[in-house]
Every structure is written in structure tokens, then in C-alpha cells.
All heavy atoms as atom14 arrays in JSON, in Angstrom:
{
  "sequence": "KKIFLDDDTAYEIQKITEVKRAASLIAGATGLRYTVYVDGFKSYIF",
  "atom14_mask": [
    [1, 1, 1, 1, 1, 1, 1, 1, 1, 0, 0, 0, 0, 0],
    [1, 1, 1, 1, 1, 1, 1, 1, 1, 0, 0, 0, 0, 0],
    [1, 1, 1, 1, 1, 1, 1, 1, 0, 0, 0, 0, 0, 0],
    [1, 1, 1, 1, 1, 1, 1, 1, 1, 1, 1, 0, 0, 0],
    [1, 1, 1, 1, 1, 1, 1, 1, 0, 0, 0, 0, 0, 0],
    [1, 1, 1, 1, 1, 1, 1, 1, 0, 0, 0, 0, 0, 0],
    [1, 1, 1, 1, 1, 1, 1, 1, 0, 0, 0, 0, 0, 0],
    [1, 1, 1, 1, 1, 1, 1, 1, 0, 0, 0, 0, 0, 0],
    [1, 1, 1, 1, 1, 1, 1, 0, 0, 0, 0, 0, 0, 0],
    [1, 1, 1, 1, 1, 0, 0, 0, 0, 0, 0, 0, 0, 0],
    [1, 1, 1, 1, 1, 1, 1, 1, 1, 1, 1, 1, 0, 0],
    [1, 1, 1, 1, 1, 1, 1, 1, 1, 0, 0, 0, 0, 0],
    [1, 1, 1, 1, 1, 1, 1, 1, 0, 0, 0, 0, 0, 0],
    [1, 1, 1, 1, 1, 1, 1, 1, 1, 0, 0, 0, 0, 0],
    [1, 1, 1, 1, 1, 1, 1, 1, 1, 0, 0, 0, 0, 0],
    [1, 1, 1, 1, 1, 1, 1, 1, 0, 0, 0, 0, 0, 0],
    [1, 1, 1, 1, 1, 1, 1, 0, 0, 0, 0, 0, 0, 0],
    [1, 1, 1, 1, 1, 1, 1, 1, 1, 0, 0, 0, 0, 0],
    [1, 1, 1, 1, 1, 1, 1, 0, 0, 0, 0, 0, 0, 0],
    [1, 1, 1, 1, 1, 1, 1, 1, 1, 0, 0, 0, 0, 0],
    [1, 1, 1, 1, 1, 1, 1, 1, 1, 1, 1, 0, 0, 0],
    [1, 1, 1, 1, 1, 0, 0, 0, 0, 0, 0, 0, 0, 0],
    [1, 1, 1, 1, 1, 0, 0, 0, 0, 0, 0, 0, 0, 0],
    [1, 1, 1, 1, 1, 1, 0, 0, 0, 0, 0, 0, 0, 0],
    [1, 1, 1, 1, 1, 1, 1, 1, 0, 0, 0, 0, 0, 0],
    [1, 1, 1, 1, 1, 1, 1, 1, 0, 0, 0, 0, 0, 0],
    [1, 1, 1, 1, 1, 0, 0, 0, 0, 0, 0, 0, 0, 0],
    [1, 1, 1, 1, 0, 0, 0, 0, 0, 0, 0, 0, 0, 0],
    [1, 1, 1, 1, 1, 0, 0, 0, 0, 0, 0, 0, 0, 0],
    [1, 1, 1, 1, 1, 1, 1, 0, 0, 0, 0, 0, 0, 0],
    [1, 1, 1, 1, 0, 0, 0, 0, 0, 0, 0, 0, 0, 0],
    [1, 1, 1, 1, 1, 1, 1, 1, 0, 0, 0, 0, 0, 0],
    [1, 1, 1, 1, 1, 1, 1, 1, 1, 1, 1, 0, 0, 0],
    [1, 1, 1, 1, 1, 1, 1, 1, 1, 1, 1, 1, 0, 0],
    [1, 1, 1, 1, 1, 1, 1, 0, 0, 0, 0, 0, 0, 0],
    [1, 1, 1, 1, 1, 1, 1, 0, 0, 0, 0, 0, 0, 0],
    [1, 1, 1, 1, 1, 1, 1, 1, 1, 1, 1, 1, 0, 0],
    [1, 1, 1, 1, 1, 1, 1, 0, 0, 0, 0, 0, 0, 0],
    [1, 1, 1, 1, 1, 1, 1, 1, 0, 0, 0, 0, 0, 0],
    [1, 1, 1, 1, 0, 0, 0, 0, 0, 0, 0, 0, 0, 0],
    [1, 1, 1, 1, 1, 1, 1, 1, 1, 1, 1, 0, 0, 0],
    [1, 1, 1, 1, 1, 1, 1, 1, 1, 0, 0, 0, 0, 0],
    [1, 1, 1, 1, 1, 1, 0, 0, 0, 0, 0, 0, 0, 0],
    [1, 1, 1, 1, 1, 1, 1, 1, 1, 1, 1, 1, 0, 0],
    [1, 1, 1, 1, 1, 1, 1, 1, 0, 0, 0, 0, 0, 0],
    [1, 1, 1, 1, 1, 1, 1, 1, 1, 1, 1, 0, 0, 0]
  ],
  "atom14_positions": [
    [[-87.23, -57.27, -91.46], [-86.76, -56.2, -92.35], [-86.45, -56.69, -93.76], [-86.69, -56.0, -94.72], [-85.49, -55.53, -91.77], [-85.72, -54.87, -90.43], [-86.63, -53.68, -90.58], [-86.73, -52.88, -89.29], [-87.58, -51.71, -89.43], [0.0, 0.0, 0.0], [0.0, 0.0, 0.0], [0.0, 0.0, 0.0], [0.0, 0.0, 0.0], [0.0, 0.0, 0.0]],
    [[-85.85, -57.89, -93.88], [-85.48, -58.46, -95.18], [-85.72, -59.96, -95.17], [-85.58, -60.61, -94.14], [-84.0, -58.22, -95.49], [-83.62, -56.8, -95.75], [-82.15, -56.7, -96.09], [-81.75, -55.25, -96.26], [-80.32, -55.12, -96.5], [0.0, 0.0, 0.0], [0.0, 0.0, 0.0], [0.0, 0.0, 0.0], [0.0, 0.0, 0.0], [0.0, 0.0, 0.0]],
    [[-86.05, -60.48, -96.36], [-86.23, -61.92, -96.55], [-85.17, -62.38, -97.55], [-84.95, -61.73, -98.56], [-87.62, -62.23, -97.12], [-88.72, -61.68, -96.21], [-87.81, -63.73, -97.33], [-90.09, -61.71, -96.85], [0.0, 0.0, 0.0], [0.0, 0.0, 0.0], [0.0, 0.0, 0.0], [0.0, 0.0, 0.0], [0.0, 0.0, 0.0], [0.0, 0.0, 0.0]],
    [[-84.54, -63.53, -97.26], [-83.55, -64.11, -98.16], [-84.08, -65.44, -98.69], [-84.45, -66.31, -97.93], [-82.23, -64.36, -97.43], [-81.58, -63.1, -96.93], [-81.9, -62.59, -95.69], [-80.65, -62.43, -97.7], [-81.32, -61.43, -95.22], [-80.06, -61.26, -97.25], [-80.39, -60.76, -95.99], [0.0, 0.0, 0.0], [0.0, 0.0, 0.0], [0.0, 0.0, 0.0]],
    [[-84.13, -65.57, -100.02], [-84.6, -66.81, -100.64], [-83.43, -67.66, -101.1], [-82.27, -67.35, -100.82], [-85.55, -66.48, -101.79], [-86.81, -65.71, -101.37], [-87.7, -65.49, -102.58], [-87.57, -66.44, -100.28], [0.0, 0.0, 0.0], [0.0, 0.0, 0.0], [0.0, 0.0, 0.0], [0.0, 0.0, 0.0], [0.0, 0.0, 0.0], [0.0, 0.0, 0.0]],
    [[-83.7, -68.74, -101.82], [-82.69, -69.72, -102.23], [-81.46, -69.12, -102.89], [-80.35, -69.58, -102.67], [-83.28, -70.75, -103.18], [-84.09, -71.8, -102.45], [-83.8, -72.06, -101.27], [-85.0, -72.37, -103.07], [0.0, 0.0, 0.0], [0.0, 0.0, 0.0], [0.0, 0.0, 0.0], [0.0, 0.0, 0.0], [0.0, 0.0, 0.0], [0.0, 0.0, 0.0]],
    [[-81.64, -68.12, -103.72], [-80.51, -67.56, -104.45], [-79.75, -66.52, -103.65], [-78.91, -65.81, -104.19], [-80.98, -66.98, -105.79], [-82.0, -65.86, -105.62], [-82.34, -65.52, -104.47], [-82.46, -65.33, -106.65], [0.0, 0.0, 0.0], [0.0, 0.0, 0.0], [0.0, 0.0, 0.0], [0.0, 0.0, 0.0], [0.0, 0.0, 0.0], [0.0, 0.0, 0.0]],
    [[-80.03, -66.41, -102.36], [-79.41, -65.45, -101.44], [-79.7, -64.0, -101.8], [-79.03, -63.1, -101.32], [-77.89, -65.68, -101.33], [-77.56, -66.94, -100.56], [-78.36, -67.33, -99.69], [-76.51, -67.54, -100.83], [0.0, 0.0, 0.0], [0.0, 0.0, 0.0], [0.0, 0.0, 0.0], [0.0, 0.0, 0.0], [0.0, 0.0, 0.0], [0.0, 0.0, 0.0]],
    [[-80.7, -63.79, -102.64], [-81.13, -62.43, -102.93], [-81.94, -61.9, -101.76], [-82.81, -62.6, -101.24], [-81.99, -62.38, -104.2], [-81.23, -62.91, -105.29], [-82.42, -60.97, -104.53], [0.0, 0.0, 0.0], [0.0, 0.0, 0.0], [0.0, 0.0, 0.0], [0.0, 0.0, 0.0], [0.0, 0.0, 0.0], [0.0, 0.0, 0.0], [0.0, 0.0, 0.0]],
    [[-81.62, -60.68, -101.32], [-82.34, -60.06, -100.22], [-83.51, -59.26, -100.77], [-83.36, -58.5, -101.72], [-81.41, -59.15, -99.43], [0.0, 0.0, 0.0], [0.0, 0.0, 0.0], [0.0, 0.0, 0.0], [0.0, 0.0, 0.0], [0.0, 0.0, 0.0], [0.0, 0.0, 0.0], [0.0, 0.0, 0.0], [0.0, 0.0, 0.0], [0.0, 0.0, 0.0]],
    [[-84.68, -59.46, -100.19], [-85.88, -58.72, -100.55], [-86.29, -57.87, -99.36], [-86.64, -58.4, -98.3], [-87.01, -59.68, -100.94], [-86.69, -60.46, -102.18], [-86.06, -61.69, -102.1], [-86.99, -59.95, -103.44], [-85.75, -62.42, -103.24], [-86.68, -60.67, -104.59], [-86.06, -61.89, -104.48], [-85.74, -62.6, -105.61], [0.0, 0.0, 0.0], [0.0, 0.0, 0.0]],
    [[-86.21, -56.56, -99.53], [-86.53, -55.64, -98.45], [-88.04, -55.56, -98.26], [-88.81, -55.44, -99.22], [-85.98, -54.26, -98.75], [-86.16, -53.29, -97.61], [-85.5, -51.95, -97.87], [-84.59, -51.9, -98.73], [-85.9, -50.99, -97.23], [0.0, 0.0, 0.0], [0.0, 0.0, 0.0], [0.0, 0.0, 0.0], [0.0, 0.0, 0.0], [0.0, 0.0, 0.0]],
    [[-88.46, -55.61, -97.01], [-89.86, -55.44, -96.66], [-90.12, -53.95, -96.55], [-89.56, -53.27, -95.7], [-90.2, -56.17, -95.35], [-89.99, -57.68, -95.53], [-91.62, -55.86, -94.89], [-90.04, -58.47, -94.26], [0.0, 0.0, 0.0], [0.0, 0.0, 0.0], [0.0, 0.0, 0.0], [0.0, 0.0, 0.0], [0.0, 0.0, 0.0], [0.0, 0.0, 0.0]],
    [[-90.97, -53.43, -97.44], [-91.24, -52.0, -97.44], [-92.27, -51.59, -96.4], [-92.2, -50.5, -95.85], [-91.74, -51.53, -98.82], [-90.66, -51.47, -99.86], [-90.83, -52.52, -100.94], [-91.86, -53.16, -101.04], [-89.81, -52.7, -101.73], [0.0, 0.0, 0.0], [0.0, 0.0, 0.0], [0.0, 0.0, 0.0], [0.0, 0.0, 0.0], [0.0, 0.0, 0.0]],
    [[-93.23, -52.48, -96.14], [-94.3, -52.12, -95.22], [-94.88, -53.37, -94.59], [-95.0, -54.4, -95.24], [-95.39, -51.37, -96.0], [-96.56, -50.9, -95.18], [-97.49, -49.94, -95.9], [-97.97, -50.37, -97.24], [-99.05, -49.54, -97.79], [0.0, 0.0, 0.0], [0.0, 0.0, 0.0], [0.0, 0.0, 0.0], [0.0, 0.0, 0.0], [0.0, 0.0, 0.0]],
    [[-95.25, -53.27, -93.32], [-95.98, -54.32, -92.6], [-97.33, -53.73, -92.25], [-97.41, -52.69, -91.59], [-95.24, -54.76, -91.32], [-93.85, -55.31, -91.67], [-96.06, -55.8, -90.56], [-92.97, -55.55, -90.47], [0.0, 0.0, 0.0], [0.0, 0.0, 0.0], [0.0, 0.0, 0.0], [0.0, 0.0, 0.0], [0.0, 0.0, 0.0], [0.0, 0.0, 0.0]],
    [[-98.41, -54.36, -92.7], [-99.73, -53.81, -92.45], [-100.5, -54.53, -91.35], [-101.46, -53.99, -90.82], [-100.58, -53.8, -93.74], [-100.69, -55.13, -94.23], [-99.96, -52.89, -94.79], [0.0, 0.0, 0.0], [0.0, 0.0, 0.0], [0.0, 0.0, 0.0], [0.0, 0.0, 0.0], [0.0, 0.0, 0.0], [0.0, 0.0, 0.0], [0.0, 0.0, 0.0]],
    [[-100.08, -55.76, -91.02], [-100.8, -56.51, -89.98], [-99.9, -57.6, -89.42], [-99.13, -58.22, -90.14], [-102.06, -57.14, -90.58], [-102.91, -57.87, -89.56], [-104.18, -58.43, -90.18], [-104.11, -59.07, -91.24], [-105.24, -58.25, -89.57], [0.0, 0.0, 0.0], [0.0, 0.0, 0.0], [0.0, 0.0, 0.0], [0.0, 0.0, 0.0], [0.0, 0.0, 0.0]],
    [[-100.02, -57.8, -88.12], [-99.36, -58.92, -87.44], [-100.4, -59.56, -86.56], [-101.02, -58.89, -85.73], [-98.17, -58.44, -86.58], [-97.52, -59.63, -85.88], [-97.16, -57.67, -87.41], [0.0, 0.0, 0.0], [0.0, 0.0, 0.0], [0.0, 0.0, 0.0], [0.0, 0.0, 0.0], [0.0, 0.0, 0.0], [0.0, 0.0, 0.0], [0.0, 0.0, 0.0]],
    [[-100.64, -60.86, -86.76], [-101.61, -61.56, -85.92], [-101.28, -63.04, -85.88], [-100.62, -63.56, -86.77], [-103.03, -61.33, -86.4], [-103.38, -62.0, -87.72], [-104.85, -61.75, -88.05], [-105.27, -62.5, -89.29], [-106.7, -62.31, -89.56], [0.0, 0.0, 0.0], [0.0, 0.0, 0.0], [0.0, 0.0, 0.0], [0.0, 0.0, 0.0], [0.0, 0.0, 0.0]],
    [[-101.75, -63.68, -84.85], [-101.6, -65.13, -84.75], [-102.57, -65.75, -85.74], [-103.76, -65.43, -85.74], [-101.89, -65.59, -83.33], [-101.67, -67.07, -83.16], [-101.3, -67.4, -81.74], [-101.07, -68.82, -81.64], [-99.95, -69.44, -81.99], [-98.94, -68.73, -82.43], [-99.82, -70.74, -81.88], [0.0, 0.0, 0.0], [0.0, 0.0, 0.0], [0.0, 0.0, 0.0]],
    [[-102.04, -66.62, -86.6], [-102.88, -67.21, -87.64], [-102.28, -68.52, -88.11], [-101.11, -68.8, -87.9], [-103.03, -66.25, -88.82], [0.0, 0.0, 0.0], [0.0, 0.0, 0.0], [0.0, 0.0, 0.0], [0.0, 0.0, 0.0], [0.0, 0.0, 0.0], [0.0, 0.0, 0.0], [0.0, 0.0, 0.0], [0.0, 0.0, 0.0], [0.0, 0.0, 0.0]],
    [[-103.11, -69.29, -88.79], [-102.67, -70.55, -89.39], [-102.47, -70.35, -90.88], [-103.2, -69.61, -91.52], [-103.7, -71.64, -89.15], [0.0, 0.0, 0.0], [0.0, 0.0, 0.0], [0.0, 0.0, 0.0], [0.0, 0.0, 0.0], [0.0, 0.0, 0.0], [0.0, 0.0, 0.0], [0.0, 0.0, 0.0], [0.0, 0.0, 0.0], [0.0, 0.0, 0.0]],
    [[-101.47, -71.03, -91.4], [-101.29, -71.08, -92.84], [-102.04, -72.31, -93.34], [-101.69, -73.43, -93.0], [-99.81, -71.2, -93.21], [-99.68, -71.59, -94.56], [0.0, 0.0, 0.0], [0.0, 0.0, 0.0], [0.0, 0.0, 0.0], [0.0, 0.0, 0.0], [0.0, 0.0, 0.0], [0.0, 0.0, 0.0], [0.0, 0.0, 0.0], [0.0, 0.0, 0.0]],
    [[-103.07, -72.1, -94.13], [-103.83, -73.23, -94.65], [-103.05, -74.01, -95.69], [-103.29, -75.2, -95.89], [-105.16, -72.73, -95.24], [-106.06, -72.0, -94.24], [-107.33, -71.51, -94.92], [-106.39, -72.88, -93.05], [0.0, 0.0, 0.0], [0.0, 0.0, 0.0], [0.0, 0.0, 0.0], [0.0, 0.0, 0.0], [0.0, 0.0, 0.0], [0.0, 0.0, 0.0]],
    [[-102.11, -73.36, -96.34], [-101.27, -74.04, -97.34], [-100.18, -74.86, -96.66], [-99.95, -76.02, -97.01], [-100.65, -73.02, -98.31], [-101.75, -72.33, -99.13], [-99.63, -73.68, -99.24], [-101.28, -71.16, -99.96], [0.0, 0.0, 0.0], [0.0, 0.0, 0.0], [0.0, 0.0, 0.0], [0.0, 0.0, 0.0], [0.0, 0.0, 0.0], [0.0, 0.0, 0.0]],
    [[-99.5, -74.27, -95.67], [-98.37, -74.95, -95.02], [-98.8, -75.85, -93.88], [-98.04, -76.7, -93.44], [-97.37, -73.91, -94.52], [0.0, 0.0, 0.0], [0.0, 0.0, 0.0], [0.0, 0.0, 0.0], [0.0, 0.0, 0.0], [0.0, 0.0, 0.0], [0.0, 0.0, 0.0], [0.0, 0.0, 0.0], [0.0, 0.0, 0.0], [0.0, 0.0, 0.0]],
    [[-100.0, -75.64, -93.37], [-100.47, -76.46, -92.25], [-99.73, -76.2, -90.96], [-99.4, -77.11, -90.22], [0.0, 0.0, 0.0], [0.0, 0.0, 0.0], [0.0, 0.0, 0.0], [0.0, 0.0, 0.0], [0.0, 0.0, 0.0], [0.0, 0.0, 0.0], [0.0, 0.0, 0.0], [0.0, 0.0, 0.0], [0.0, 0.0, 0.0], [0.0, 0.0, 0.0]],
    [[-99.43, -74.93, -90.69], [-98.69, -74.56, -89.48], [-99.26, -73.26, -88.94], [-99.95, -72.53, -89.63], [-97.21, -74.4, -89.81], [0.0, 0.0, 0.0], [0.0, 0.0, 0.0], [0.0, 0.0, 0.0], [0.0, 0.0, 0.0], [0.0, 0.0, 0.0], [0.0, 0.0, 0.0], [0.0, 0.0, 0.0], [0.0, 0.0, 0.0], [0.0, 0.0, 0.0]],
    [[-98.95, -72.98, -87.67], [-99.41, -71.75, -87.05], [-98.24, -70.92, -86.56], [-97.12, -71.41, -86.43], [-100.34, -72.04, -85.86], [-99.61, -72.8, -84.9], [-101.58, -72.77, -86.29], [0.0, 0.0, 0.0], [0.0, 0.0, 0.0], [0.0, 0.0, 0.0], [0.0, 0.0, 0.0], [0.0, 0.0, 0.0], [0.0, 0.0, 0.0], [0.0, 0.0, 0.0]],
    [[-98.53, -69.68, -86.28], [-97.53, -68.76, -85.75], [-98.0, -67.34, -85.93], [-99.19, -67.08, -86.13], [0.0, 0.0, 0.0], [0.0, 0.0, 0.0], [0.0, 0.0, 0.0], [0.0, 0.0, 0.0], [0.0, 0.0, 0.0], [0.0, 0.0, 0.0], [0.0, 0.0, 0.0], [0.0, 0.0, 0.0], [0.0, 0.0, 0.0], [0.0, 0.0, 0.0]],
    [[-97.07, -66.4, -85.85], [-97.4, -65.02, -86.13], [-97.35, -64.8, -87.64], [-96.34, -65.08, -88.27], [-96.4, -64.07, -85.46], [-96.5, -63.95, -83.95], [-95.42, -63.01, -83.44], [-97.87, -63.44, -83.54], [0.0, 0.0, 0.0], [0.0, 0.0, 0.0], [0.0, 0.0, 0.0], [0.0, 0.0, 0.0], [0.0, 0.0, 0.0], [0.0, 0.0, 0.0]],
    [[-98.45, -64.31, -88.19], [-98.5, -64.04, -89.63], [-98.32, -62.54, -89.84], [-99.06, -61.73, -89.31], [-99.81, -64.48, -90.24], [-99.82, -64.28, -91.77], [-101.13, -64.64, -92.38], [-102.08, -63.55, -92.12], [-103.36, -63.59, -92.48], [-103.86, -64.66, -93.07], [-104.15, -62.58, -92.22], [0.0, 0.0, 0.0], [0.0, 0.0, 0.0], [0.0, 0.0, 0.0]],
    [[-97.31, -62.2, -90.62], [-97.03, -60.82, -90.97], [-97.53, -60.59, -92.39], [-97.13, -61.3, -93.31], [-95.53, -60.54, -90.93], [-94.93, -60.57, -89.55], [-94.69, -61.77, -88.88], [-94.58, -59.39, -88.91], [-94.13, -61.79, -87.62], [-94.01, -59.4, -87.64], [-93.8, -60.6, -87.0], [-93.24, -60.62, -85.75], [0.0, 0.0, 0.0], [0.0, 0.0, 0.0]],
    [[-98.41, -59.6, -92.55], [-98.82, -59.18, -93.88], [-97.82, -58.1, -94.3], [-97.72, -57.06, -93.64], [-100.24, -58.62, -93.88], [-101.12, -59.62, -93.35], [-100.69, -58.25, -95.29], [0.0, 0.0, 0.0], [0.0, 0.0, 0.0], [0.0, 0.0, 0.0], [0.0, 0.0, 0.0], [0.0, 0.0, 0.0], [0.0, 0.0, 0.0], [0.0, 0.0, 0.0]],
    [[-97.06, -58.37, -95.35], [-95.97, -57.49, -95.74], [-96.09, -57.1, -97.21], [-96.79, -57.76, -97.99], [-94.59, -58.15, -95.5], [-94.39, -58.49, -94.04], [-94.41, -59.4, -96.36], [0.0, 0.0, 0.0], [0.0, 0.0, 0.0], [0.0, 0.0, 0.0], [0.0, 0.0, 0.0], [0.0, 0.0, 0.0], [0.0, 0.0, 0.0], [0.0, 0.0, 0.0]],
    [[-95.41, -56.04, -97.56], [-95.29, -55.62, -98.96], [-93.83, -55.66, -99.35], [-92.98, -55.06, -98.67], [-95.87, -54.22, -99.17], [-97.37, -54.25, -99.2], [-98.11, -54.27, -98.03], [-98.06, -54.3, -100.41], [-99.5, -54.32, -98.06], [-99.44, -54.35, -100.45], [-100.15, -54.36, -99.27], [-101.52, -54.43, -99.3], [0.0, 0.0, 0.0], [0.0, 0.0, 0.0]],
    [[-93.54, -56.4, -100.42], [-92.2, -56.54, -100.97], [-92.28, -56.2, -102.45], [-93.09, -56.8, -103.17], [-91.66, -57.97, -100.77], [-90.3, -58.14, -101.44], [-91.58, -58.33, -99.3], [0.0, 0.0, 0.0], [0.0, 0.0, 0.0], [0.0, 0.0, 0.0], [0.0, 0.0, 0.0], [0.0, 0.0, 0.0], [0.0, 0.0, 0.0], [0.0, 0.0, 0.0]],
    [[-91.49, -55.25, -102.89], [-91.53, -54.79, -104.28], [-92.95, -54.41, -104.71], [-93.37, -54.66, -105.84], [-90.95, -55.84, -105.24], [-89.47, -56.04, -105.04], [-88.79, -55.11, -104.56], [-88.97, -57.13, -105.38], [0.0, 0.0, 0.0], [0.0, 0.0, 0.0], [0.0, 0.0, 0.0], [0.0, 0.0, 0.0], [0.0, 0.0, 0.0], [0.0, 0.0, 0.0]],
    [[-93.73, -53.86, -103.79], [-95.08, -53.41, -104.1], [-96.14, -54.49, -104.06], [-97.31, -54.21, -104.29], [0.0, 0.0, 0.0], [0.0, 0.0, 0.0], [0.0, 0.0, 0.0], [0.0, 0.0, 0.0], [0.0, 0.0, 0.0], [0.0, 0.0, 0.0], [0.0, 0.0, 0.0], [0.0, 0.0, 0.0], [0.0, 0.0, 0.0], [0.0, 0.0, 0.0]],
    [[-95.77, -55.74, -103.78], [-96.72, -56.85, -103.76], [-96.99, -57.32, -102.34], [-96.07, -57.47, -101.54], [-96.2, -58.03, -104.59], [-96.1, -57.74, -106.05], [-94.9, -57.35, -106.62], [-97.22, -57.83, -106.87], [-94.8, -57.06, -107.96], [-97.14, -57.54, -108.22], [-95.93, -57.15, -108.77], [0.0, 0.0, 0.0], [0.0, 0.0, 0.0], [0.0, 0.0, 0.0]],
    [[-98.25, -57.59, -102.05], [-98.66, -58.1, -100.74], [-98.29, -59.57, -100.62], [-98.48, -60.35, -101.56], [-100.17, -57.93, -100.59], [-100.73, -58.44, -99.29], [-102.23, -58.21, -99.28], [-102.89, -58.89, -98.12], [-104.34, -58.66, -98.12], [0.0, 0.0, 0.0], [0.0, 0.0, 0.0], [0.0, 0.0, 0.0], [0.0, 0.0, 0.0], [0.0, 0.0, 0.0]],
    [[-97.76, -59.95, -99.46], [-97.4, -61.32, -99.21], [-97.5, -61.6, -97.72], [-97.74, -60.68, -96.92], [-95.97, -61.58, -99.7], [-95.67, -62.96, -99.63], [0.0, 0.0, 0.0], [0.0, 0.0, 0.0], [0.0, 0.0, 0.0], [0.0, 0.0, 0.0], [0.0, 0.0, 0.0], [0.0, 0.0, 0.0], [0.0, 0.0, 0.0], [0.0, 0.0, 0.0]],
    [[-97.34, -62.85, -97.34], [-97.33, -63.23, -95.93], [-96.02, -63.93, -95.61], [-95.52, -64.73, -96.39], [-98.47, -64.21, -95.62], [-99.85, -63.69, -95.89], [-100.62, -64.25, -96.91], [-100.38, -62.65, -95.14], [-101.9, -63.78, -97.16], [-101.66, -62.18, -95.4], [-102.41, -62.74, -96.41], [-103.66, -62.27, -96.67], [0.0, 0.0, 0.0], [0.0, 0.0, 0.0]],
    [[-95.48, -63.61, -94.44], [-94.41, -64.42, -93.87], [-94.85, -64.79, -92.46], [-95.62, -64.06, -91.83], [-93.03, -63.72, -93.87], [-93.04, -62.44, -93.05], [-92.56, -63.45, -95.27], [-91.65, -61.86, -92.86], [0.0, 0.0, 0.0], [0.0, 0.0, 0.0], [0.0, 0.0, 0.0], [0.0, 0.0, 0.0], [0.0, 0.0, 0.0], [0.0, 0.0, 0.0]],
    [[-94.38, -65.92, -92.0], [-94.79, -66.45, -90.71], [-93.58, -66.65, -89.82], [-92.53, -67.11, -90.27], [-95.47, -67.81, -90.89], [-96.8, -67.76, -91.59], [-96.86, -67.7, -92.98], [-97.97, -67.77, -90.87], [-98.08, -67.66, -93.63], [-99.2, -67.73, -91.52], [-99.26, -67.68, -92.9], [0.0, 0.0, 0.0], [0.0, 0.0, 0.0], [0.0, 0.0, 0.0]]
  ]
}
């Protein structure tokens, strides 16, 4: 529902468009990848 970053600011997830098992090529890890929209921008959280 919400993501908290270093400054303890909460970012509300407005929409989830996809959930699937996937690898992060940048982080080199696997898990459930959520395609989310925060402040109108598409992003991934794992």
C-alpha cells in the first residue's frame, strides 16, 4: 500500500498493474515483482 524511503516519507501506491515472479537485472535478485504507480509514475518493487 505504501513505500517508505530514507527520509521516512511515505509514498502511496495508487495502482498495481502486474504481479509476477521475476528477476531484477539491476539488483541481481529474484522474488515477486510488483509493477506499481506512485505519483503517476510506473515503478517496480520486489
